[in-house]
Amino acid sequence: MRFDIISLFPEFVAQLAAHGVVGRAGERGLLSIHGWNPRDHAEGNYRRVDDRPFGGGPGMVMLIEPLCATLAAMRDDDPASAHVVYLSPQGRPLTQAKVRELAARPRIALLCGRYEGVDERLLQAEVDEEISIGDYVLSGGELAAAVLIDAVARLQEGALNDAESAVQDSFEGDGLLDCPHYTRPVTHALGTVPEVLLSGNHAAIARWRRQQSLGRTWLRRPDLLDEAALSKADRALLEAFRADWRHAGGASAGGDA
């Protein structure tokens, strides 16, 4: 898979992506990252890439021509079609379902805006979709691009040392949050590992993990939980979780008392 980063700071994104899972994926030849700086394709002594917005107002807007020239250079470098994404707080949310969709593409170009954004005409003509990583504003799209690259790269076959890790992540499969995880020591001042995880009873462990996943989703992200679509067994597990939680003194969650 190939990522092309169109940014005034492409080396910043590449550096962020040089470590961990993404770095290993690059070393294994599963993906490559290429940076493209619009300033390299701007004209004039000052290599200007922005100007004041028509209609007045604060800030600057990125110019059309340097970005068009950058995209043209990117396409000349490799004729393979690239899916162009603009990282923007106005875009659709980056969900795990969207990550899986992007992970199936062979090439993605990430346009990172700066200042007040990019001239709308460029977005209309050159961008396939806008994506947001959350309802907040960053100084530029570079951090968002790094987040997207990390999320997409880890789904490439061979990127993770254990492929099952991705399958069991939050939002995967049926979209629930992940269950809690524990490791050594068994006993610590901060608490003790649940006995079921030490039992060696794989069926009981699977049932406990499923219940914790259901319960955590109900507590923390009830918007992800479609109880009507749950199986009878899942509903029983969730109700038992609720009963234990209330018995332990928990307040209401997920709209339930």
C-alpha atoms as a PDB file:
ATOM      1  CA  MET A   1       0.000   0.000   0.000  1.00  0.00           C
ATOM      2  CA  ARG A   2       1.200   3.506  -0.796  1.00  0.00           C
ATOM      3  CA  PHE A   3       0.515   6.745   1.092  1.00  0.00           C
ATOM      4  CA  ASP A   4       1.239  10.136  -0.481  1.00  0.00           C
ATOM      5  CA  ILE A   5       1.290  13.067   1.944  1.00  0.00           C
ATOM      6  CA  ILE A   6       0.655  16.528   0.540  1.00  0.00           C
ATOM      7  CA  SER A   7       1.762  18.855   3.301  1.00  0.00           C
ATOM      8  CA  LEU A   8       3.990  21.829   4.109  1.00  0.00           C
ATOM      9  CA  PHE A   9       5.596  19.433   6.624  1.00  0.00           C
ATOM     10  CA  PRO A  10       5.532  15.978   4.966  1.00  0.00           C
ATOM     11  CA  GLU A  11       8.675  14.899   6.798  1.00  0.00           C
ATOM     12  CA  PHE A  12       6.819  15.439  10.091  1.00  0.00           C
ATOM     13  CA  VAL A  13       4.168  12.880   9.156  1.00  0.00           C
ATOM     14  CA  ALA A  14       6.778  10.470   7.817  1.00  0.00           C
ATOM     15  CA  GLN A  15       8.705  10.721  11.089  1.00  0.00           C
ATOM     16  CA  LEU A  16       5.583  10.000  13.128  1.00  0.00           C
ATOM     17  CA  ALA A  17       4.908   6.972  10.955  1.00  0.00           C
ATOM     18  CA  ALA A  18       8.453   5.608  11.177  1.00  0.00           C
ATOM     19  CA  HIS A  19       7.919   3.806  14.467  1.00  0.00           C
ATOM     20  CA  GLY A  20       5.947   0.924  15.913  1.00  0.00           C
ATOM     21  CA  VAL A  21       3.515  -1.039  13.773  1.00  0.00           C
ATOM     22  CA  VAL A  22       3.675   1.410  10.854  1.00  0.00           C
ATOM     23  CA  GLY A  23       7.463   1.414  10.900  1.00  0.00           C
ATOM     24  CA  ARG A  24       7.548  -2.394  10.877  1.00  0.00           C
ATOM     25  CA  ALA A  25       5.024  -2.486   8.048  1.00  0.00           C
ATOM     26  CA  GLY A  26       7.316  -0.216   6.028  1.00  0.00           C
ATOM     27  CA  GLU A  27      10.342  -2.393   6.792  1.00  0.00           C
ATOM     28  CA  ARG A  28       8.395  -5.457   5.648  1.00  0.00           C
ATOM     29  CA  GLY A  29       7.494  -3.791   2.360  1.00  0.00           C
ATOM     30  CA  LEU A  30       3.790  -3.687   3.165  1.00  0.00           C
ATOM     31  CA  LEU A  31       3.486   0.071   2.684  1.00  0.00           C
ATOM     32  CA  SER A  32       5.443   3.105   1.580  1.00  0.00           C
ATOM     33  CA  ILE A  33       5.081   6.775   2.491  1.00  0.00           C
ATOM     34  CA  HIS A  34       5.930   9.572   0.062  1.00  0.00           C
ATOM     35  CA  GLY A  35       5.957  13.268   0.970  1.00  0.00           C
ATOM     36  CA  TRP A  36       5.035  16.180  -1.312  1.00  0.00           C
ATOM     37  CA  ASN A  37       5.534  19.781  -0.245  1.00  0.00           C
ATOM     38  CA  PRO A  38       3.406  22.370  -2.117  1.00  0.00           C
ATOM     39  CA  ARG A  39       6.077  24.973  -1.461  1.00  0.00           C
ATOM     40  CA  ASP A  40       8.378  23.034  -3.800  1.00  0.00           C
ATOM     41  CA  HIS A  41       5.867  23.648  -6.587  1.00  0.00           C
ATOM     42  CA  ALA A  42       5.027  27.286  -5.819  1.00  0.00           C
ATOM     43  CA  GLU A  43       6.240  30.131  -8.014  1.00  0.00           C
ATOM     44  CA  GLY A  44       8.064  33.338  -7.144  1.00  0.00           C
ATOM     45  CA  ASN A  45      10.955  34.150  -4.863  1.00  0.00           C
ATOM     46  CA  TYR A  46       8.907  33.565  -1.732  1.00  0.00           C
ATOM     47  CA  ARG A  47       7.347  30.278  -2.857  1.00  0.00           C
ATOM     48  CA  ARG A  48       3.998  31.529  -1.635  1.00  0.00           C
ATOM     49  CA  VAL A  49       1.350  28.885  -0.920  1.00  0.00           C
ATOM     50  CA  ASP A  50      -1.379  30.988   0.723  1.00  0.00           C
ATOM     51  CA  ASP A  51      -3.251  34.267   0.431  1.00  0.00           C
ATOM     52  CA  ARG A  52      -5.954  36.231   2.223  1.00  0.00           C
ATOM     53  CA  PRO A  53      -9.557  35.017   1.852  1.00  0.00           C
ATOM     54  CA  PHE A  54     -12.013  36.852  -0.375  1.00  0.00           C
ATOM     55  CA  GLY A  55     -14.728  38.495   1.684  1.00  0.00           C
ATOM     56  CA  GLY A  56     -12.343  39.331   4.502  1.00  0.00           C
ATOM     57  CA  GLY A  57     -11.817  37.574   7.788  1.00  0.00           C
ATOM     58  CA  PRO A  58      -8.840  36.259   9.731  1.00  0.00           C
ATOM     59  CA  GLY A  59      -6.219  33.825   8.571  1.00  0.00           C
ATOM     60  CA  MET A  60      -4.989  32.694   5.189  1.00  0.00           C
ATOM     61  CA  VAL A  61      -6.202  30.156   2.618  1.00  0.00           C
ATOM     62  CA  MET A  62      -3.989  27.720   0.727  1.00  0.00           C
ATOM     63  CA  LEU A  63      -3.701  28.591  -2.973  1.00  0.00           C
ATOM     64  CA  ILE A  64      -4.977  26.425  -5.811  1.00  0.00           C
ATOM     65  CA  GLU A  65      -1.971  26.434  -8.138  1.00  0.00           C
ATOM     66  CA  PRO A  66       0.744  25.092  -5.818  1.00  0.00           C
ATOM     67  CA  LEU A  67      -1.577  22.286  -4.736  1.00  0.00           C
ATOM     68  CA  CYS A  68      -2.577  21.444  -8.312  1.00  0.00           C
ATOM     69  CA  ALA A  69       1.087  21.324  -9.311  1.00  0.00           C
ATOM     70  CA  THR A  70       1.882  19.123  -6.312  1.00  0.00           C
ATOM     71  CA  LEU A  71      -0.888  16.676  -7.158  1.00  0.00           C
ATOM     72  CA  ALA A  72       0.300  16.586 -10.773  1.00  0.00           C
ATOM     73  CA  ALA A  73       3.860  15.788  -9.662  1.00  0.00           C
ATOM     74  CA  MET A  74       2.522  13.081  -7.370  1.00  0.00           C
ATOM     75  CA  ARG A  75       0.606  11.473 -10.231  1.00  0.00           C
ATOM     76  CA  ASP A  76       3.584  11.718 -12.577  1.00  0.00           C
ATOM     77  CA  ASP A  77       5.682   9.865 -10.012  1.00  0.00           C
ATOM     78  CA  ASP A  78       3.339   6.864 -10.129  1.00  0.00           C
ATOM     79  CA  PRO A  79       0.473   6.539 -12.611  1.00  0.00           C
ATOM     80  CA  ALA A  80      -1.518   4.295 -10.252  1.00  0.00           C
ATOM     81  CA  SER A  81      -4.737   6.027  -9.248  1.00  0.00           C
ATOM     82  CA  ALA A  82      -4.741   7.556  -5.761  1.00  0.00           C
ATOM     83  CA  HIS A  83      -7.794   8.066  -3.552  1.00  0.00           C
ATOM     84  CA  VAL A  84      -7.412  11.678  -2.400  1.00  0.00           C
ATOM     85  CA  VAL A  85      -8.471  12.451   1.171  1.00  0.00           C
ATOM     86  CA  TYR A  86      -8.574  15.915   2.700  1.00  0.00           C
ATOM     87  CA  LEU A  87      -8.152  15.885   6.492  1.00  0.00           C
ATOM     88  CA  SER A  88     -10.738  18.346   7.744  1.00  0.00           C
ATOM     89  CA  PRO A  89     -12.982  18.898  10.808  1.00  0.00           C
ATOM     90  CA  GLN A  90     -15.807  19.226   8.270  1.00  0.00           C
ATOM     91  CA  GLY A  91     -15.271  15.681   6.980  1.00  0.00           C
ATOM     92  CA  ARG A  92     -17.045  12.481   7.872  1.00  0.00           C
ATOM     93  CA  PRO A  93     -15.810  10.851  11.088  1.00  0.00           C
ATOM     94  CA  LEU A  94     -12.989   8.339  10.842  1.00  0.00           C
ATOM     95  CA  THR A  95     -14.539   5.129  12.146  1.00  0.00           C
ATOM     96  CA  GLN A  96     -13.169   1.608  12.183  1.00  0.00           C
ATOM     97  CA  ALA A  97     -15.523   0.759   9.310  1.00  0.00           C
ATOM     98  CA  LYS A  98     -14.029   3.615   7.280  1.00  0.00           C
ATOM     99  CA  VAL A  99     -10.520   2.447   8.233  1.00  0.00           C
ATOM    100  CA  ARG A 100     -11.292  -1.035   6.893  1.00  0.00           C
ATOM    101  CA  GLU A 101     -12.592   0.509   3.671  1.00  0.00           C
ATOM    102  CA  LEU A 102      -9.458   2.598   3.231  1.00  0.00           C
ATOM    103  CA  ALA A 103      -7.197  -0.339   4.095  1.00  0.00           C
ATOM    104  CA  ALA A 104      -8.477  -2.157   1.004  1.00  0.00           C
ATOM    105  CA  ARG A 105      -7.235   0.611  -1.299  1.00  0.00           C
ATOM    106  CA  PRO A 106      -3.792   0.289  -2.908  1.00  0.00           C
ATOM    107  CA  ARG A 107      -2.976   4.006  -2.767  1.00  0.00           C
ATOM    108  CA  ILE A 108      -4.204   6.921  -0.659  1.00  0.00           C
ATOM    109  CA  ALA A 109      -3.148  10.570  -0.963  1.00  0.00           C
ATOM    110  CA  LEU A 110      -3.611  12.640   2.199  1.00  0.00           C
ATOM    111  CA  LEU A 111      -4.016  16.384   1.722  1.00  0.00           C
ATOM    112  CA  CYS A 112      -3.085  18.257   4.911  1.00  0.00           C
ATOM    113  CA  GLY A 113      -4.494  21.736   5.144  1.00  0.00           C
ATOM    114  CA  ARG A 114      -3.010  24.646   7.088  1.00  0.00           C
ATOM    115  CA  TYR A 115      -4.158  28.131   8.061  1.00  0.00           C
ATOM    116  CA  GLU A 116      -7.897  28.550   7.424  1.00  0.00           C
ATOM    117  CA  GLY A 117      -7.922  25.659   4.989  1.00  0.00           C
ATOM    118  CA  VAL A 118      -7.784  25.092   1.241  1.00  0.00           C
ATOM    119  CA  ASP A 119      -9.489  26.963  -1.587  1.00  0.00           C
ATOM    120  CA  GLU A 120     -12.870  25.262  -2.011  1.00  0.00           C
ATOM    121  CA  ARG A 121     -12.452  24.985  -5.782  1.00  0.00           C
ATOM    122  CA  LEU A 122      -9.434  22.720  -5.326  1.00  0.00           C
ATOM    123  CA  LEU A 123     -11.379  20.535  -2.910  1.00  0.00           C
ATOM    124  CA  GLN A 124     -14.308  20.238  -5.293  1.00  0.00           C
ATOM    125  CA  ALA A 125     -12.092  19.335  -8.244  1.00  0.00           C
ATOM    126  CA  GLU A 126      -9.401  17.138  -6.723  1.00  0.00           C
ATOM    127  CA  VAL A 127     -10.575  15.578  -3.465  1.00  0.00           C
ATOM    128  CA  ASP A 128     -12.511  12.315  -3.315  1.00  0.00           C
ATOM    129  CA  GLU A 129     -13.607  12.676   0.305  1.00  0.00           C
ATOM    130  CA  GLU A 130     -13.023  14.672   3.474  1.00  0.00           C
ATOM    131  CA  ILE A 131     -12.340  12.862   6.736  1.00  0.00           C
ATOM    132  CA  SER A 132     -12.289  14.137  10.323  1.00  0.00           C
ATOM    133  CA  ILE A 133     -10.642  12.414  13.283  1.00  0.00           C
ATOM    134  CA  GLY A 134     -12.848  14.231  15.798  1.00  0.00           C
ATOM    135  CA  ASP A 135     -14.967  17.237  16.638  1.00  0.00           C
ATOM    136  CA  TYR A 136     -12.094  19.590  17.394  1.00  0.00           C
ATOM    137  CA  VAL A 137      -9.680  21.766  15.428  1.00  0.00           C
ATOM    138  CA  LEU A 138      -5.955  21.148  14.941  1.00  0.00           C
ATOM    139  CA  SER A 139      -3.365  23.562  13.547  1.00  0.00           C
ATOM    140  CA  GLY A 140      -3.051  21.410  10.442  1.00  0.00           C
ATOM    141  CA  GLY A 141      -3.885  18.044   8.958  1.00  0.00           C
ATOM    142  CA  GLU A 142      -0.536  16.396   9.674  1.00  0.00           C
ATOM    143  CA  LEU A 143      -1.464  14.823  13.004  1.00  0.00           C
ATOM    144  CA  ALA A 144      -4.744  13.615  11.541  1.00  0.00           C
ATOM    145  CA  ALA A 145      -2.848  12.092   8.616  1.00  0.00           C
ATOM    146  CA  ALA A 146      -0.549  10.242  11.023  1.00  0.00           C
ATOM    147  CA  VAL A 147      -3.573   8.884  12.897  1.00  0.00           C
ATOM    148  CA  LEU A 148      -5.179   7.668   9.682  1.00  0.00           C
ATOM    149  CA  ILE A 149      -1.950   6.058   8.458  1.00  0.00           C
ATOM    150  CA  ASP A 150      -1.501   4.197  11.743  1.00  0.00           C
ATOM    151  CA  ALA A 151      -5.093   2.937  11.791  1.00  0.00           C
ATOM    152  CA  VAL A 152      -5.003   1.799   8.159  1.00  0.00           C
ATOM    153  CA  ALA A 153      -1.478   0.337   8.217  1.00  0.00           C
ATOM    154  CA  ARG A 154      -2.151  -2.025  11.111  1.00  0.00           C
ATOM    155  CA  LEU A 155      -4.866  -3.724   9.049  1.00  0.00           C
ATOM    156  CA  GLN A 156      -2.454  -4.613   6.264  1.00  0.00           C
ATOM    157  CA  GLU A 157      -1.858  -8.343   6.217  1.00  0.00           C
ATOM    158  CA  GLY A 158       1.434  -9.062   7.965  1.00  0.00           C
ATOM    159  CA  ALA A 159       1.701  -5.678   9.713  1.00  0.00           C
ATOM    160  CA  LEU A 160       0.934  -7.123  13.138  1.00  0.00           C
ATOM    161  CA  ASN A 161       2.945  -9.942  14.644  1.00  0.00           C
ATOM    162  CA  ASP A 162      -0.346 -11.595  15.586  1.00  0.00           C
ATOM    163  CA  ALA A 163      -3.186 -10.955  13.129  1.00  0.00           C
ATOM    164  CA  GLU A 164      -5.692 -11.885  15.833  1.00  0.00           C
ATOM    165  CA  SER A 165      -4.792  -8.641  17.629  1.00  0.00           C
ATOM    166  CA  ALA A 166      -6.630  -6.581  15.011  1.00  0.00           C
ATOM    167  CA  VAL A 167      -9.655  -8.885  15.035  1.00  0.00           C
ATOM    168  CA  GLN A 168     -10.092  -8.411  18.787  1.00  0.00           C
ATOM    169  CA  ASP A 169      -9.692  -4.633  18.811  1.00  0.00           C
ATOM    170  CA  SER A 170     -12.429  -2.254  19.883  1.00  0.00           C
ATOM    171  CA  PHE A 171     -14.958  -1.505  17.109  1.00  0.00           C
ATOM    172  CA  GLU A 172     -13.986  -4.601  15.135  1.00  0.00           C
ATOM    173  CA  GLY A 173     -16.404  -7.451  14.434  1.00  0.00           C
ATOM    174  CA  ASP A 174     -19.714  -6.344  15.915  1.00  0.00           C
ATOM    175  CA  GLY A 175     -18.446  -2.876  16.831  1.00  0.00           C
ATOM    176  CA  LEU A 176     -18.224  -3.306  20.606  1.00  0.00           C
ATOM    177  CA  LEU A 177     -15.471  -1.981  22.839  1.00  0.00           C
ATOM    178  CA  ASP A 178     -12.694  -4.346  23.826  1.00  0.00           C
ATOM    179  CA  CYS A 179     -12.655  -6.219  27.141  1.00  0.00           C
ATOM    180  CA  PRO A 180     -10.110  -5.459  29.914  1.00  0.00           C
ATOM    181  CA  HIS A 181      -6.670  -7.099  29.731  1.00  0.00           C
ATOM    182  CA  TYR A 182      -4.274  -8.204  32.467  1.00  0.00           C
ATOM    183  CA  THR A 183      -0.720  -9.541  32.752  1.00  0.00           C
ATOM    184  CA  ARG A 184       1.774 -10.426  35.508  1.00  0.00           C
ATOM    185  CA  PRO A 185       1.853 -10.173  38.462  1.00  0.00           C
ATOM    186  CA  VAL A 186      -1.351 -11.915  39.512  1.00  0.00           C
ATOM    187  CA  THR A 187      -1.541  -9.947  42.754  1.00  0.00           C
ATOM    188  CA  HIS A 188      -0.537  -6.303  43.127  1.00  0.00           C
ATOM    189  CA  ALA A 189      -1.305  -3.392  45.402  1.00  0.00           C
ATOM    190  CA  LEU A 190      -3.523  -2.064  42.596  1.00  0.00           C
ATOM    191  CA  GLY A 191      -5.621  -5.236  42.524  1.00  0.00           C
ATOM    192  CA  THR A 192      -5.816  -8.907  41.557  1.00  0.00           C
ATOM    193  CA  VAL A 193      -6.336 -10.544  38.188  1.00  0.00           C
ATOM    194  CA  PRO A 194      -9.899 -11.953  37.841  1.00  0.00           C
ATOM    195  CA  GLU A 195      -9.866 -15.640  38.771  1.00  0.00           C
ATOM    196  CA  VAL A 196     -11.602 -16.707  35.565  1.00  0.00           C
ATOM    197  CA  LEU A 197      -8.561 -15.635  33.523  1.00  0.00           C
ATOM    198  CA  LEU A 198      -6.380 -17.979  35.571  1.00  0.00           C
ATOM    199  CA  SER A 199      -8.782 -20.932  35.388  1.00  0.00           C
ATOM    200  CA  GLY A 200      -7.648 -22.421  32.088  1.00  0.00           C
ATOM    201  CA  ASN A 201     -11.344 -22.833  31.206  1.00  0.00           C
ATOM    202  CA  HIS A 202     -11.382 -21.358  27.691  1.00  0.00           C
ATOM    203  CA  ALA A 203     -15.167 -21.347  27.410  1.00  0.00           C
ATOM    204  CA  ALA A 204     -15.524 -19.477  30.703  1.00  0.00           C
ATOM    205  CA  ILE A 205     -12.802 -17.011  29.695  1.00  0.00           C
ATOM    206  CA  ALA A 206     -14.498 -16.348  26.352  1.00  0.00           C
ATOM    207  CA  ARG A 207     -17.829 -15.813  28.123  1.00  0.00           C
ATOM    208  CA  TRP A 208     -16.251 -13.413  30.637  1.00  0.00           C
ATOM    209  CA  ARG A 209     -14.540 -11.422  27.893  1.00  0.00           C
ATOM    210  CA  ARG A 210     -17.751 -11.185  25.913  1.00  0.00           C
ATOM    211  CA  GLN A 211     -19.645  -9.991  28.969  1.00  0.00           C
ATOM    212  CA  GLN A 212     -16.998  -7.378  29.764  1.00  0.00           C
ATOM    213  CA  SER A 213     -17.059  -6.152  26.170  1.00  0.00           C
ATOM    214  CA  LEU A 214     -20.830  -5.802  26.272  1.00  0.00           C
ATOM    215  CA  GLY A 215     -20.755  -4.155  29.685  1.00  0.00           C
ATOM    216  CA  ARG A 216     -18.015  -1.668  28.843  1.00  0.00           C
ATOM    217  CA  THR A 217     -19.807  -0.652  25.674  1.00  0.00           C
ATOM    218  CA  TRP A 218     -23.039  -0.121  27.649  1.00  0.00           C
ATOM    219  CA  LEU A 219     -21.212   1.964  30.249  1.00  0.00           C
ATOM    220  CA  ARG A 220     -18.919   3.998  28.048  1.00  0.00           C
ATOM    221  CA  ARG A 221     -20.373   4.069  24.544  1.00  0.00           C
ATOM    222  CA  PRO A 222     -24.062   3.131  24.716  1.00  0.00           C
ATOM    223  CA  ASP A 223     -24.486   4.664  21.271  1.00  0.00           C
ATOM    224  CA  LEU A 224     -22.588   1.670  19.863  1.00  0.00           C
ATOM    225  CA  LEU A 225     -24.829  -0.907  21.512  1.00  0.00           C
ATOM    226  CA  ASP A 226     -27.883  -2.079  19.578  1.00  0.00           C
ATOM    227  CA  GLU A 227     -29.504  -4.236  22.240  1.00  0.00           C
ATOM    228  CA  ALA A 228     -32.335  -5.263  19.950  1.00  0.00           C
ATOM    229  CA  ALA A 229     -29.819  -6.951  17.662  1.00  0.00           C
ATOM    230  CA  LEU A 230     -28.097  -8.880  20.471  1.00  0.00           C
ATOM    231  CA  SER A 231     -28.539 -12.609  20.779  1.00  0.00           C
ATOM    232  CA  LYS A 232     -30.442 -14.055  23.722  1.00  0.00           C
ATOM    233  CA  ALA A 233     -27.129 -15.159  25.243  1.00  0.00           C
ATOM    234  CA  ASP A 234     -25.621 -11.675  24.881  1.00  0.00           C
ATOM    235  CA  ARG A 235     -28.654 -10.051  26.464  1.00  0.00           C
ATOM    236  CA  ALA A 236     -28.366 -12.429  29.415  1.00  0.00           C
ATOM    237  CA  LEU A 237     -24.672 -11.612  29.805  1.00  0.00           C
ATOM    238  CA  LEU A 238     -25.361  -7.886  29.658  1.00  0.00           C
ATOM    239  CA  GLU A 239     -28.165  -8.093  32.199  1.00  0.00           C
ATOM    240  CA  ALA A 240     -25.918 -10.045  34.574  1.00  0.00           C
ATOM    241  CA  PHE A 241     -23.220  -7.396  34.118  1.00  0.00           C
ATOM    242  CA  ARG A 242     -25.716  -4.655  34.922  1.00  0.00           C
ATOM    243  CA  ALA A 243     -26.910  -6.459  38.025  1.00  0.00           C
ATOM    244  CA  ASP A 244     -23.363  -6.929  39.321  1.00  0.00           C
ATOM    245  CA  TRP A 245     -22.486  -3.340  38.496  1.00  0.00           C
ATOM    246  CA  ARG A 246     -25.520  -1.950  40.324  1.00  0.00           C
ATOM    247  CA  HIS A 247     -24.884  -4.220  43.277  1.00  0.00           C
ATOM    248  CA  ALA A 248     -21.388  -2.747  43.449  1.00  0.00           C
ATOM    249  CA  GLY A 249     -22.901   0.732  43.710  1.00  0.00           C
ATOM    250  CA  GLY A 250     -22.761   1.925  40.109  1.00  0.00           C
ATOM    251  CA  ALA A 251     -24.905   4.848  38.926  1.00  0.00           C
ATOM    252  CA  SER A 252     -27.180   4.687  35.912  1.00  0.00           C
ATOM    253  CA  ALA A 253     -25.639   4.338  32.449  1.00  0.00           C
ATOM    254  CA  GLY A 254     -26.807   3.922  28.924  1.00  0.00           C
ATOM    255  CA  GLY A 255     -30.152   5.435  29.869  1.00  0.00           C
ATOM    256  CA  ASP A 256     -30.902   2.623  32.337  1.00  0.00           C
ATOM    257  CA  ALA A 257     -31.598   3.079  36.022  1.00  0.00           C
END
